[in-house]
PDB file of all heavy atoms in Angstrom:
ATOM      1  N   GLY A   1      29.208 -24.987  99.668  1.00  0.00           N
ATOM      2  CA  GLY A   1      29.727 -26.289  99.253  1.00  0.00           C
ATOM      3  C   GLY A   1      31.229 -26.391  99.197  1.00  0.00           C
ATOM      4  O   GLY A   1      31.768 -27.267  98.515  1.00  0.00           O
ATOM      5  N   ALA A   2      31.949 -25.510  99.931  1.00  0.00           N
ATOM      6  CA  ALA A   2      33.409 -25.568  99.958  1.00  0.00           C
ATOM      7  C   ALA A   2      33.872 -26.770 100.776  1.00  0.00           C
ATOM      8  O   ALA A   2      33.264 -27.111 101.791  1.00  0.00           O
ATOM      9  CB  ALA A   2      33.978 -24.278 100.542  1.00  0.00           C
ATOM     10  N   LYS A   3      34.956 -27.401 100.355  1.00  0.00           N
ATOM     11  CA  LYS A   3      35.447 -28.613 101.006  1.00  0.00           C
ATOM     12  C   LYS A   3      36.617 -28.360 101.953  1.00  0.00           C
ATOM     13  O   LYS A   3      36.915 -29.193 102.797  1.00  0.00           O
ATOM     14  CB  LYS A   3      35.864 -29.633  99.951  1.00  0.00           C
ATOM     15  CG  LYS A   3      34.738 -30.040  99.001  1.00  0.00           C
ATOM     16  CD  LYS A   3      33.566 -30.672  99.754  1.00  0.00           C
ATOM     17  CE  LYS A   3      32.466 -31.117  98.787  1.00  0.00           C
ATOM     18  NZ  LYS A   3      31.298 -31.667  99.532  1.00  0.00           N
ATOM     19  N   LYS A   4      37.297 -27.226 101.794  1.00  0.00           N
ATOM     20  CA  LYS A   4      38.476 -26.950 102.600  1.00  0.00           C
ATOM     21  C   LYS A   4      38.512 -25.475 102.962  1.00  0.00           C
ATOM     22  O   LYS A   4      38.173 -24.617 102.149  1.00  0.00           O
ATOM     23  CB  LYS A   4      39.745 -27.338 101.835  1.00  0.00           C
ATOM     24  CG  LYS A   4      41.023 -27.219 102.657  1.00  0.00           C
ATOM     25  CD  LYS A   4      42.233 -27.705 101.864  1.00  0.00           C
ATOM     26  CE  LYS A   4      43.500 -27.604 102.697  1.00  0.00           C
ATOM     27  NZ  LYS A   4      44.695 -28.051 101.947  1.00  0.00           N
ATOM     28  N   ARG A   5      38.927 -25.186 104.180  1.00  0.00           N
ATOM     29  CA  ARG A   5      39.037 -23.807 104.634  1.00  0.00           C
ATOM     30  C   ARG A   5      40.053 -23.065 103.759  1.00  0.00           C
ATOM     31  O   ARG A   5      41.182 -23.530 103.586  1.00  0.00           O
ATOM     32  CB  ARG A   5      39.498 -23.771 106.103  1.00  0.00           C
ATOM     33  CG  ARG A   5      39.545 -22.365 106.705  1.00  0.00           C
ATOM     34  CD  ARG A   5      40.133 -22.405 108.114  1.00  0.00           C
ATOM     35  NE  ARG A   5      40.235 -21.057 108.664  1.00  0.00           N
ATOM     36  CZ  ARG A   5      39.356 -20.521 109.494  1.00  0.00           C
ATOM     37  NH1 ARG A   5      38.310 -21.237 109.899  1.00  0.00           N
ATOM     38  NH2 ARG A   5      39.500 -19.289 109.935  1.00  0.00           N
ATOM     39  N   PRO A   6      39.681 -21.921 103.209  1.00  0.00           N
ATOM     40  CA  PRO A   6      40.602 -21.202 102.310  1.00  0.00           C
ATOM     41  C   PRO A   6      41.768 -20.593 103.075  1.00  0.00           C
ATOM     42  O   PRO A   6      41.629 -20.188 104.233  1.00  0.00           O
ATOM     43  CB  PRO A   6      39.716 -20.115 101.695  1.00  0.00           C
ATOM     44  CG  PRO A   6      38.636 -19.877 102.703  1.00  0.00           C
ATOM     45  CD  PRO A   6      38.381 -21.216 103.331  1.00  0.00           C
ATOM     46  N   ALA A   7      42.904 -20.522 102.415  1.00  0.00           N
ATOM     47  CA  ALA A   7      44.087 -19.916 103.024  1.00  0.00           C
ATOM     48  C   ALA A   7      44.043 -18.394 102.929  1.00  0.00           C
ATOM     49  O   ALA A   7      44.598 -17.697 103.775  1.00  0.00           O
ATOM     50  CB  ALA A   7      45.352 -20.444 102.342  1.00  0.00           C
ATOM     51  N   LYS A   8      43.368 -17.878 101.900  1.00  0.00           N
ATOM     52  CA  LYS A   8      43.311 -16.439 101.693  1.00  0.00           C
ATOM     53  C   LYS A   8      42.349 -15.807 102.697  1.00  0.00           C
ATOM     54  O   LYS A   8      41.200 -16.237 102.838  1.00  0.00           O
ATOM     55  CB  LYS A   8      42.865 -16.136 100.260  1.00  0.00           C
ATOM     56  CG  LYS A   8      43.023 -14.668  99.863  1.00  0.00           C
ATOM     57  CD  LYS A   8      42.719 -14.468  98.384  1.00  0.00           C
ATOM     58  CE  LYS A   8      42.920 -13.014  97.979  1.00  0.00           C
ATOM     59  NZ  LYS A   8      42.619 -12.803  96.540  1.00  0.00           N
ATOM     60  N   LEU A   9      42.827 -14.758 103.400  1.00  0.00           N
ATOM     61  CA  LEU A   9      42.056 -14.148 104.477  1.00  0.00           C
ATOM     62  C   LEU A   9      40.716 -13.609 103.997  1.00  0.00           C
ATOM     63  O   LEU A   9      39.681 -13.825 104.644  1.00  0.00           O
ATOM     64  CB  LEU A   9      42.872 -13.031 105.130  1.00  0.00           C
ATOM     65  CG  LEU A   9      42.172 -12.263 106.259  1.00  0.00           C
ATOM     66  CD1 LEU A   9      41.787 -13.200 107.391  1.00  0.00           C
ATOM     67  CD2 LEU A   9      43.057 -11.134 106.775  1.00  0.00           C
ATOM     68  N   SER A  10      40.699 -12.914 102.860  1.00  0.00           N
ATOM     69  CA  SER A  10      39.457 -12.307 102.391  1.00  0.00           C
ATOM     70  C   SER A  10      38.385 -13.355 102.107  1.00  0.00           C
ATOM     71  O   SER A  10      37.189 -13.124 102.335  1.00  0.00           O
ATOM     72  CB  SER A  10      39.710 -11.474 101.134  1.00  0.00           C
ATOM     73  OG  SER A  10      40.224 -12.276 100.090  1.00  0.00           O
ATOM     74  N   GLN A  11      38.797 -14.522 101.624  1.00  0.00           N
ATOM     75  CA  GLN A  11      37.835 -15.591 101.355  1.00  0.00           C
ATOM     76  C   GLN A  11      37.273 -16.160 102.664  1.00  0.00           C
ATOM     77  O   GLN A  11      36.078 -16.463 102.763  1.00  0.00           O
ATOM     78  CB  GLN A  11      38.494 -16.686 100.533  1.00  0.00           C
ATOM     79  CG  GLN A  11      38.883 -16.241  99.127  1.00  0.00           C
ATOM     80  CD  GLN A  11      39.651 -17.317  98.364  1.00  0.00           C
ATOM     81  OE1 GLN A  11      40.056 -18.329  98.936  1.00  0.00           O
ATOM     82  NE2 GLN A  11      39.844 -17.096  97.070  1.00  0.00           N
ATOM     83  N   ALA A  12      38.140 -16.306 103.685  1.00  0.00           N
ATOM     84  CA  ALA A  12      37.660 -16.763 104.994  1.00  0.00           C
ATOM     85  C   ALA A  12      36.724 -15.738 105.614  1.00  0.00           C
ATOM     86  O   ALA A  12      35.723 -16.090 106.254  1.00  0.00           O
ATOM     87  CB  ALA A  12      38.842 -17.027 105.921  1.00  0.00           C
ATOM     88  N   GLN A  13      37.024 -14.448 105.408  1.00  0.00           N
ATOM     89  CA  GLN A  13      36.144 -13.391 105.919  1.00  0.00           C
ATOM     90  C   GLN A  13      34.763 -13.482 105.282  1.00  0.00           C
ATOM     91  O   GLN A  13      33.733 -13.342 105.961  1.00  0.00           O
ATOM     92  CB  GLN A  13      36.765 -12.014 105.635  1.00  0.00           C
ATOM     93  CG  GLN A  13      37.986 -11.713 106.491  1.00  0.00           C
ATOM     94  CD  GLN A  13      38.658 -10.415 106.077  1.00  0.00           C
ATOM     95  OE1 GLN A  13      38.727 -10.080 104.889  1.00  0.00           O
ATOM     96  NE2 GLN A  13      39.152  -9.671 107.051  1.00  0.00           N
ATOM     97  N   ALA A  14      34.727 -13.708 103.971  1.00  0.00           N
ATOM     98  CA  ALA A  14      33.452 -13.820 103.272  1.00  0.00           C
ATOM     99  C   ALA A  14      32.645 -15.011 103.789  1.00  0.00           C
ATOM    100  O   ALA A  14      31.415 -14.929 103.968  1.00  0.00           O
ATOM    101  CB  ALA A  14      33.684 -13.945 101.767  1.00  0.00           C
ATOM    102  N   LEU A  15      33.320 -16.127 104.040  1.00  0.00           N
ATOM    103  CA  LEU A  15      32.632 -17.302 104.559  1.00  0.00           C
ATOM    104  C   LEU A  15      32.078 -17.032 105.958  1.00  0.00           C
ATOM    105  O   LEU A  15      30.978 -17.467 106.298  1.00  0.00           O
ATOM    106  CB  LEU A  15      33.583 -18.495 104.596  1.00  0.00           C
ATOM    107  CG  LEU A  15      34.015 -19.045 103.235  1.00  0.00           C
ATOM    108  CD1 LEU A  15      35.072 -20.120 103.421  1.00  0.00           C
ATOM    109  CD2 LEU A  15      32.819 -19.613 102.474  1.00  0.00           C
ATOM    110  N   ALA A  16      32.850 -16.311 106.773  1.00  0.00           N
ATOM    111  CA  ALA A  16      32.381 -15.969 108.117  1.00  0.00           C
ATOM    112  C   ALA A  16      31.136 -15.096 108.051  1.00  0.00           C
ATOM    113  O   ALA A  16      30.192 -15.273 108.827  1.00  0.00           O
ATOM    114  CB  ALA A  16      33.481 -15.249 108.892  1.00  0.00           C
ATOM    115  N   ALA A  17      31.122 -14.158 107.103  1.00  0.00           N
ATOM    116  CA  ALA A  17      29.958 -13.288 106.944  1.00  0.00           C
ATOM    117  C   ALA A  17      28.722 -14.086 106.537  1.00  0.00           C
ATOM    118  O   ALA A  17      27.602 -13.822 106.989  1.00  0.00           O
ATOM    119  CB  ALA A  17      30.258 -12.206 105.904  1.00  0.00           C
ATOM    120  N   LEU A  18      28.922 -15.097 105.689  1.00  0.00           N
ATOM    121  CA  LEU A  18      27.812 -15.948 105.278  1.00  0.00           C
ATOM    122  C   LEU A  18      27.304 -16.812 106.438  1.00  0.00           C
ATOM    123  O   LEU A  18      26.096 -17.011 106.602  1.00  0.00           O
ATOM    124  CB  LEU A  18      28.253 -16.879 104.139  1.00  0.00           C
ATOM    125  CG  LEU A  18      28.349 -16.288 102.745  1.00  0.00           C
ATOM    126  CD1 LEU A  18      29.046 -17.277 101.820  1.00  0.00           C
ATOM    127  CD2 LEU A  18      26.967 -15.953 102.208  1.00  0.00           C
ATOM    128  N   GLY A  19      28.238 -17.330 107.242  1.00  0.00           N
ATOM    129  CA  GLY A  19      27.856 -18.306 108.255  1.00  0.00           C
ATOM    130  C   GLY A  19      27.397 -17.746 109.581  1.00  0.00           C
ATOM    131  O   GLY A  19      26.664 -18.424 110.310  1.00  0.00           O
ATOM    132  N   GLN A  20      27.792 -16.503 109.921  1.00  0.00           N
ATOM    133  CA  GLN A  20      27.528 -15.991 111.268  1.00  0.00           C
ATOM    134  C   GLN A  20      26.038 -15.866 111.580  1.00  0.00           C
ATOM    135  O   GLN A  20      25.586 -16.240 112.658  1.00  0.00           O
ATOM    136  CB  GLN A  20      28.224 -14.636 111.467  1.00  0.00           C
ATOM    137  CG  GLN A  20      28.107 -14.089 112.877  1.00  0.00           C
ATOM    138  CD  GLN A  20      28.790 -14.960 113.921  1.00  0.00           C
ATOM    139  OE1 GLN A  20      29.821 -15.576 113.660  1.00  0.00           O
ATOM    140  NE2 GLN A  20      28.214 -15.021 115.113  1.00  0.00           N
ATOM    141  N   SER A  21      25.270 -15.348 110.630  1.00  0.00           N
ATOM    142  CA  SER A  21      23.834 -15.180 110.894  1.00  0.00           C
ATOM    143  C   SER A  21      23.147 -16.532 111.062  1.00  0.00           C
ATOM    144  O   SER A  21      22.241 -16.690 111.898  1.00  0.00           O
ATOM    145  CB  SER A  21      23.172 -14.382 109.766  1.00  0.00           C
ATOM    146  OG  SER A  21      23.317 -15.049 108.519  1.00  0.00           O
ATOM    147  N   LYS A  22      23.592 -17.517 110.302  1.00  0.00           N
ATOM    148  CA  LYS A  22      23.013 -18.858 110.441  1.00  0.00           C
ATOM    149  C   LYS A  22      23.369 -19.453 111.802  1.00  0.00           C
ATOM    150  O   LYS A  22      22.539 -20.108 112.446  1.00  0.00           O
ATOM    151  CB  LYS A  22      23.506 -19.769 109.315  1.00  0.00           C
ATOM    152  CG  LYS A  22      22.979 -19.372 107.945  1.00  0.00           C
ATOM    153  CD  LYS A  22      23.305 -20.437 106.901  1.00  0.00           C
ATOM    154  CE  LYS A  22      22.652 -20.101 105.575  1.00  0.00           C
ATOM    155  NZ  LYS A  22      22.851 -21.158 104.571  1.00  0.00           N
ATOM    156  N   LEU A  23      24.598 -19.228 112.216  1.00  0.00           N
ATOM    157  CA  LEU A  23      25.030 -19.735 113.518  1.00  0.00           C
ATOM    158  C   LEU A  23      24.160 -19.154 114.630  1.00  0.00           C
ATOM    159  O   LEU A  23      23.682 -19.879 115.513  1.00  0.00           O
ATOM    160  CB  LEU A  23      26.502 -19.371 113.750  1.00  0.00           C
ATOM    161  CG  LEU A  23      27.128 -19.825 115.068  1.00  0.00           C
ATOM    162  CD1 LEU A  23      27.171 -21.343 115.153  1.00  0.00           C
ATOM    163  CD2 LEU A  23      28.537 -19.239 115.213  1.00  0.00           C
ATOM    164  N   MET A  24      23.935 -17.857 114.587  1.00  0.00           N
ATOM    165  CA  MET A  24      23.139 -17.221 115.636  1.00  0.00           C
ATOM    166  C   MET A  24      21.683 -17.660 115.589  1.00  0.00           C
ATOM    167  O   MET A  24      21.015 -17.719 116.630  1.00  0.00           O
ATOM    168  CB  MET A  24      23.240 -15.700 115.512  1.00  0.00           C
ATOM    169  CG  MET A  24      24.569 -15.139 115.971  1.00  0.00           C
ATOM    170  SD  MET A  24      25.054 -15.639 117.649  1.00  0.00           S
ATOM    171  CE  MET A  24      23.680 -14.996 118.594  1.00  0.00           C
ATOM    172  N   SER A  25      21.187 -17.986 114.404  1.00  0.00           N
ATOM    173  CA  SER A  25      19.797 -18.441 114.315  1.00  0.00           C
ATOM    174  C   SER A  25      19.613 -19.761 115.062  1.00  0.00           C
ATOM    175  O   SER A  25      18.570 -20.001 115.683  1.00  0.00           O
ATOM    176  CB  SER A  25      19.358 -18.585 112.855  1.00  0.00           C
ATOM    177  OG  SER A  25      19.991 -19.688 112.225  1.00  0.00           O
ATOM    178  N   PHE A  26      20.643 -20.638 115.017  1.00  0.00           N
ATOM    179  CA  PHE A  26      20.596 -21.881 115.781  1.00  0.00           C
ATOM    180  C   PHE A  26      20.497 -21.587 117.279  1.00  0.00           C
ATOM    181  O   PHE A  26      19.675 -22.176 117.995  1.00  0.00           O
ATOM    182  CB  PHE A  26      21.847 -22.729 115.521  1.00  0.00           C
ATOM    183  CG  PHE A  26      21.844 -23.459 114.213  1.00  0.00           C
ATOM    184  CD1 PHE A  26      22.759 -23.146 113.226  1.00  0.00           C
ATOM    185  CD2 PHE A  26      20.938 -24.482 113.977  1.00  0.00           C
ATOM    186  CE1 PHE A  26      22.772 -23.830 112.017  1.00  0.00           C
ATOM    187  CE2 PHE A  26      20.944 -25.178 112.768  1.00  0.00           C
ATOM    188  CZ  PHE A  26      21.860 -24.842 111.783  1.00  0.00           C
ATOM    189  N   TYR A  27      21.345 -20.678 117.748  1.00  0.00           N
ATOM    190  CA  TYR A  27      21.354 -20.371 119.175  1.00  0.00           C
ATOM    191  C   TYR A  27      20.058 -19.689 119.622  1.00  0.00           C
ATOM    192  O   TYR A  27      19.498 -20.024 120.675  1.00  0.00           O
ATOM    193  CB  TYR A  27      22.563 -19.495 119.522  1.00  0.00           C
ATOM    194  CG  TYR A  27      23.844 -20.274 119.590  1.00  0.00           C
ATOM    195  CD1 TYR A  27      24.855 -20.090 118.652  1.00  0.00           C
ATOM    196  CD2 TYR A  27      24.051 -21.215 120.602  1.00  0.00           C
ATOM    197  CE1 TYR A  27      26.034 -20.823 118.721  1.00  0.00           C
ATOM    198  CE2 TYR A  27      25.228 -21.950 120.668  1.00  0.00           C
ATOM    199  CZ  TYR A  27      26.206 -21.746 119.726  1.00  0.00           C
ATOM    200  OH  TYR A  27      27.371 -22.481 119.788  1.00  0.00           O
ATOM    201  N   GLU A  28      19.582 -18.729 118.852  1.00  0.00           N
ATOM    202  CA  GLU A  28      18.355 -18.020 119.249  1.00  0.00           C
ATOM    203  C   GLU A  28      17.168 -18.980 119.316  1.00  0.00           C
ATOM    204  O   GLU A  28      16.352 -18.902 120.250  1.00  0.00           O
ATOM    205  CB  GLU A  28      18.076 -16.883 118.268  1.00  0.00           C
ATOM    206  CG  GLU A  28      16.763 -16.136 118.519  1.00  0.00           C
ATOM    207  CD  GLU A  28      16.667 -15.514 119.905  1.00  0.00           C
ATOM    208  OE1 GLU A  28      17.725 -15.263 120.527  1.00  0.00           O
ATOM    209  OE2 GLU A  28      15.528 -15.281 120.364  1.00  0.00           O
ATOM    210  N   ARG A  29      17.072 -19.876 118.361  1.00  0.00           N
ATOM    211  CA  ARG A  29      15.963 -20.831 118.365  1.00  0.00           C
ATOM    212  C   ARG A  29      15.974 -21.683 119.625  1.00  0.00           C
ATOM    213  O   ARG A  29      14.930 -21.901 120.252  1.00  0.00           O
ATOM    214  CB  ARG A  29      16.057 -21.722 117.126  1.00  0.00           C
ATOM    215  CG  ARG A  29      14.901 -22.718 116.981  1.00  0.00           C
ATOM    216  CD  ARG A  29      15.093 -23.572 115.739  1.00  0.00           C
ATOM    217  NE  ARG A  29      16.291 -24.423 115.852  1.00  0.00           N
ATOM    218  CZ  ARG A  29      16.944 -24.910 114.805  1.00  0.00           C
ATOM    219  NH1 ARG A  29      16.544 -24.633 113.576  1.00  0.00           N
ATOM    220  NH2 ARG A  29      18.004 -25.680 114.993  1.00  0.00           N
ATOM    221  N   GLU A  30      17.155 -22.159 120.018  1.00  0.00           N
ATOM    222  CA  GLU A  30      17.236 -23.022 121.198  1.00  0.00           C
ATOM    223  C   GLU A  30      17.063 -22.231 122.488  1.00  0.00           C
ATOM    224  O   GLU A  30      16.428 -22.709 123.439  1.00  0.00           O
ATOM    225  CB  GLU A  30      18.567 -23.779 121.209  1.00  0.00           C
ATOM    226  CG  GLU A  30      18.728 -24.744 120.051  1.00  0.00           C
ATOM    227  CD  GLU A  30      17.574 -25.743 119.959  1.00  0.00           C
ATOM    228  OE1 GLU A  30      17.106 -26.218 121.021  1.00  0.00           O
ATOM    229  OE2 GLU A  30      17.142 -26.046 118.832  1.00  0.00           O
ATOM    230  N   CYS A  31      17.637 -21.032 122.548  1.00  0.00           N
ATOM    231  CA  CYS A  31      17.479 -20.212 123.754  1.00  0.00           C
ATOM    232  C   CYS A  31      16.019 -19.854 123.994  1.00  0.00           C
ATOM    233  O   CYS A  31      15.538 -19.854 125.138  1.00  0.00           O
ATOM    234  CB  CYS A  31      18.320 -18.938 123.641  1.00  0.00           C
ATOM    235  SG  CYS A  31      20.101 -19.206 123.769  1.00  0.00           S
ATOM    236  N   ALA A  32      15.302 -19.548 122.907  1.00  0.00           N
ATOM    237  CA  ALA A  32      13.892 -19.173 123.031  1.00  0.00           C
ATOM    238  C   ALA A  32      13.066 -20.287 123.676  1.00  0.00           C
ATOM    239  O   ALA A  32      12.091 -20.019 124.393  1.00  0.00           O
ATOM    240  CB  ALA A  32      13.329 -18.810 121.669  1.00  0.00           C
ATOM    241  N   LYS A  33      13.453 -21.533 123.460  1.00  0.00           N
ATOM    242  CA  LYS A  33      12.737 -22.662 124.061  1.00  0.00           C
ATOM    243  C   LYS A  33      12.824 -22.636 125.583  1.00  0.00           C
ATOM    244  O   LYS A  33      11.969 -23.203 126.278  1.00  0.00           O
ATOM    245  CB  LYS A  33      13.312 -23.983 123.543  1.00  0.00           C
ATOM    246  CG  LYS A  33      13.078 -24.241 122.060  1.00  0.00           C
ATOM    247  CD  LYS A  33      13.742 -25.554 121.641  1.00  0.00           C
ATOM    248  CE  LYS A  33      13.573 -25.813 120.143  1.00  0.00           C
ATOM    249  NZ  LYS A  33      14.255 -27.063 119.725  1.00  0.00           N
ATOM    250  N   HIS A  34      13.860 -21.984 126.106  1.00  0.00           N
ATOM    251  CA  HIS A  34      14.071 -21.947 127.551  1.00  0.00           C
ATOM    252  C   HIS A  34      13.749 -20.585 128.154  1.00  0.00           C
ATOM    253  O   HIS A  34      14.051 -20.343 129.333  1.00  0.00           O
ATOM    254  CB  HIS A  34      15.516 -22.334 127.864  1.00  0.00           C
ATOM    255  CG  HIS A  34      15.876 -23.717 127.417  1.00  0.00           C
ATOM    256  ND1 HIS A  34      15.612 -24.845 128.169  1.00  0.00           N
ATOM    257  CD2 HIS A  34      16.444 -24.163 126.258  1.00  0.00           C
ATOM    258  CE1 HIS A  34      16.020 -25.918 127.509  1.00  0.00           C
ATOM    259  NE2 HIS A  34      16.537 -25.534 126.351  1.00  0.00           N
ATOM    260  N   GLY A  35      13.178 -19.699 127.340  1.00  0.00           N
ATOM    261  CA  GLY A  35      12.685 -18.437 127.877  1.00  0.00           C
ATOM    262  C   GLY A  35      13.672 -17.297 127.933  1.00  0.00           C
ATOM    263  O   GLY A  35      13.447 -16.305 128.633  1.00  0.00           O
ATOM    264  N   PHE A  36      14.769 -17.395 127.204  1.00  0.00           N
ATOM    265  CA  PHE A  36      15.709 -16.272 127.142  1.00  0.00           C
ATOM    266  C   PHE A  36      16.233 -16.147 125.721  1.00  0.00           C
ATOM    267  O   PHE A  36      15.855 -16.929 124.838  1.00  0.00           O
ATOM    268  CB  PHE A  36      16.855 -16.432 128.149  1.00  0.00           C
ATOM    269  CG  PHE A  36      17.629 -17.712 128.040  1.00  0.00           C
ATOM    270  CD1 PHE A  36      18.733 -17.829 127.215  1.00  0.00           C
ATOM    271  CD2 PHE A  36      17.259 -18.824 128.794  1.00  0.00           C
ATOM    272  CE1 PHE A  36      19.449 -19.009 127.116  1.00  0.00           C
ATOM    273  CE2 PHE A  36      17.978 -20.015 128.713  1.00  0.00           C
ATOM    274  CZ  PHE A  36      19.066 -20.111 127.876  1.00  0.00           C
ATOM    275  N   HIS A  37      17.072 -15.154 125.476  1.00  0.00           N
ATOM    276  CA  HIS A  37      17.542 -14.860 124.125  1.00  0.00           C
ATOM    277  C   HIS A  37      19.058 -15.025 124.018  1.00  0.00           C
ATOM    278  O   HIS A  37      19.799 -14.890 124.994  1.00  0.00           O
ATOM    279  CB  HIS A  37      17.170 -13.432 123.723  1.00  0.00           C
ATOM    280  CG  HIS A  37      15.701 -13.199 123.662  1.00  0.00           C
ATOM    281  ND1 HIS A  37      14.908 -13.673 122.641  1.00  0.00           N
ATOM    282  CD2 HIS A  37      14.876 -12.556 124.529  1.00  0.00           C
ATOM    283  CE1 HIS A  37      13.654 -13.321 122.855  1.00  0.00           C
ATOM    284  NE2 HIS A  37      13.606 -12.649 123.990  1.00  0.00           N
ATOM    285  N   ALA A  38      19.517 -15.295 122.796  1.00  0.00           N
ATOM    286  CA  ALA A  38      20.943 -15.322 122.481  1.00  0.00           C
ATOM    287  C   ALA A  38      21.351 -13.931 122.009  1.00  0.00           C
ATOM    288  O   ALA A  38      20.727 -13.361 121.114  1.00  0.00           O
ATOM    289  CB  ALA A  38      21.227 -16.350 121.382  1.00  0.00           C
TER     290      ALA A  38
END
């Protein structure tokens, strides 16, 4: 629920760690529909 990208690097790193797996789940789901993997 953050509203603005943090200026502190460690906080941005933590957000990236939270978001990366979700991002890949979007891609894998769509790729699977076409018969290949992300």
